[in-house]
Amino acid sequence: MLYTPVTLDDGRTVDVAAPVGAAPPDVIDGRDLTRLQRAANAATTR
């Protein structure tokens, strides 16, 4: 999970976070975009 606080123009701070997953084609054994996206999505929950 990538995380960083962001300060808004009015001085309030909000926490911004984004999950990141990686699925290299050599590990997934293919270059099908749908398959790679599913594998990357699954990697964000592990």
N, C-alpha and C. Protein backbone atom coordinates (compact mmCIF):
# COMPACT_ATOMS: atom_id res chain seq x y z
N MET A 1 0.84 -1.16 0.00
CA MET A 1 0.00 0.00 0.00
C MET A 1 0.90 1.23 0.00
N LEU A 2 0.71 2.07 -0.99
CA LEU A 2 1.40 3.36 -1.01
C LEU A 2 0.53 4.36 -0.27
N TYR A 3 1.12 5.17 0.56
CA TYR A 3 0.37 6.08 1.41
C TYR A 3 1.11 7.40 1.53
N THR A 4 0.36 8.49 1.43
CA THR A 4 0.95 9.81 1.67
C THR A 4 -0.14 10.78 2.10
N PRO A 5 0.13 11.61 3.09
CA PRO A 5 -0.83 12.66 3.45
C PRO A 5 -0.73 13.81 2.45
N VAL A 6 -1.86 14.40 2.13
CA VAL A 6 -1.92 15.52 1.19
C VAL A 6 -2.59 16.69 1.88
N THR A 7 -1.97 17.85 1.82
CA THR A 7 -2.56 19.06 2.40
C THR A 7 -3.35 19.81 1.33
N LEU A 8 -4.62 20.06 1.62
CA LEU A 8 -5.49 20.78 0.70
C LEU A 8 -5.24 22.28 0.79
N ASP A 9 -5.79 23.03 -0.16
CA ASP A 9 -5.61 24.48 -0.19
C ASP A 9 -6.11 25.16 1.07
N ASP A 10 -7.14 24.59 1.70
CA ASP A 10 -7.69 25.22 2.90
C ASP A 10 -6.98 24.78 4.18
N GLY A 11 -5.88 24.02 4.05
CA GLY A 11 -5.08 23.62 5.20
C GLY A 11 -5.43 22.26 5.77
N ARG A 12 -6.57 21.70 5.39
CA ARG A 12 -6.92 20.37 5.88
C ARG A 12 -6.01 19.33 5.24
N THR A 13 -5.79 18.25 5.96
CA THR A 13 -4.97 17.16 5.44
C THR A 13 -5.84 15.92 5.25
N VAL A 14 -5.68 15.28 4.11
CA VAL A 14 -6.37 14.01 3.86
C VAL A 14 -5.32 12.93 3.60
N ASP A 15 -5.65 11.72 4.02
CA ASP A 15 -4.76 10.59 3.79
C ASP A 15 -5.11 9.95 2.46
N VAL A 16 -4.13 9.83 1.58
CA VAL A 16 -4.32 9.21 0.27
C VAL A 16 -3.53 7.92 0.25
N ALA A 17 -4.21 6.83 -0.15
CA ALA A 17 -3.54 5.52 -0.21
C ALA A 17 -3.97 4.80 -1.48
N ALA A 18 -3.07 3.98 -2.02
CA ALA A 18 -3.37 3.21 -3.22
C ALA A 18 -2.68 1.85 -3.13
N PRO A 19 -3.42 0.78 -3.37
CA PRO A 19 -2.79 -0.54 -3.40
C PRO A 19 -2.01 -0.72 -4.70
N VAL A 20 -0.92 -1.43 -4.62
CA VAL A 20 -0.08 -1.67 -5.80
C VAL A 20 0.21 -3.16 -5.91
N GLY A 21 -0.02 -3.69 -7.09
CA GLY A 21 0.28 -5.11 -7.33
C GLY A 21 1.07 -5.25 -8.62
N ALA A 22 1.92 -6.24 -8.68
CA ALA A 22 2.72 -6.47 -9.88
C ALA A 22 2.56 -7.91 -10.33
N ALA A 23 2.49 -8.08 -11.65
CA ALA A 23 2.37 -9.42 -12.22
C ALA A 23 3.22 -9.49 -13.49
N PRO A 24 4.51 -9.79 -13.35
CA PRO A 24 5.39 -9.85 -14.52
C PRO A 24 5.00 -11.01 -15.44
N PRO A 25 5.04 -10.80 -16.75
CA PRO A 25 4.65 -11.84 -17.70
C PRO A 25 5.43 -13.15 -17.55
N ASP A 26 6.70 -13.07 -17.17
CA ASP A 26 7.48 -14.31 -17.05
C ASP A 26 7.03 -15.16 -15.86
N VAL A 27 6.50 -14.53 -14.83
CA VAL A 27 6.00 -15.26 -13.67
C VAL A 27 4.60 -15.82 -13.95
N ILE A 28 3.79 -15.05 -14.65
CA ILE A 28 2.42 -15.46 -14.97
C ILE A 28 2.40 -16.42 -16.16
N ASP A 29 3.48 -16.46 -16.89
CA ASP A 29 3.63 -17.32 -18.06
C ASP A 29 2.65 -16.94 -19.17
N GLY A 30 2.65 -15.66 -19.49
CA GLY A 30 1.79 -15.21 -20.58
C GLY A 30 1.79 -13.70 -20.70
N ARG A 31 1.24 -13.19 -21.79
CA ARG A 31 1.17 -11.76 -22.01
C ARG A 31 -0.26 -11.27 -22.25
N ASP A 32 -1.23 -12.14 -21.94
CA ASP A 32 -2.63 -11.77 -22.08
C ASP A 32 -2.96 -10.68 -21.05
N LEU A 33 -3.43 -9.52 -21.53
CA LEU A 33 -3.65 -8.38 -20.64
C LEU A 33 -4.65 -8.70 -19.54
N THR A 34 -5.74 -9.36 -19.85
CA THR A 34 -6.74 -9.69 -18.84
C THR A 34 -6.13 -10.56 -17.75
N ARG A 35 -5.36 -11.54 -18.15
CA ARG A 35 -4.72 -12.44 -17.18
C ARG A 35 -3.73 -11.68 -16.30
N LEU A 36 -2.94 -10.78 -16.90
CA LEU A 36 -1.98 -9.99 -16.12
C LEU A 36 -2.69 -9.05 -15.15
N GLN A 37 -3.79 -8.43 -15.58
CA GLN A 37 -4.54 -7.53 -14.70
C GLN A 37 -5.12 -8.28 -13.51
N ARG A 38 -5.65 -9.47 -13.77
CA ARG A 38 -6.21 -10.27 -12.67
C ARG A 38 -5.13 -10.68 -11.67
N ALA A 39 -3.97 -11.06 -12.20
CA ALA A 39 -2.87 -11.45 -11.32
C ALA A 39 -2.36 -10.26 -10.51
N ALA A 40 -2.26 -9.09 -11.13
CA ALA A 40 -1.82 -7.89 -10.41
C ALA A 40 -2.84 -7.51 -9.35
N ASN A 41 -4.11 -7.64 -9.66
CA ASN A 41 -5.16 -7.35 -8.68
C ASN A 41 -5.06 -8.31 -7.50
N ALA A 42 -4.83 -9.58 -7.78
CA ALA A 42 -4.68 -10.56 -6.71
C ALA A 42 -3.46 -10.25 -5.85
N ALA A 43 -2.40 -9.73 -6.46
CA ALA A 43 -1.18 -9.41 -5.71
C ALA A 43 -1.40 -8.30 -4.70
N THR A 44 -2.38 -7.44 -4.93
CA THR A 44 -2.63 -6.34 -3.99
C THR A 44 -3.23 -6.83 -2.68
N THR A 45 -3.81 -8.03 -2.68
CA THR A 45 -4.46 -8.53 -1.47
C THR A 45 -3.59 -9.52 -0.72
N ARG A 46 -2.38 -9.75 -1.19
CA ARG A 46 -1.50 -10.72 -0.51
C ARG A 46 -0.50 -10.04 0.36
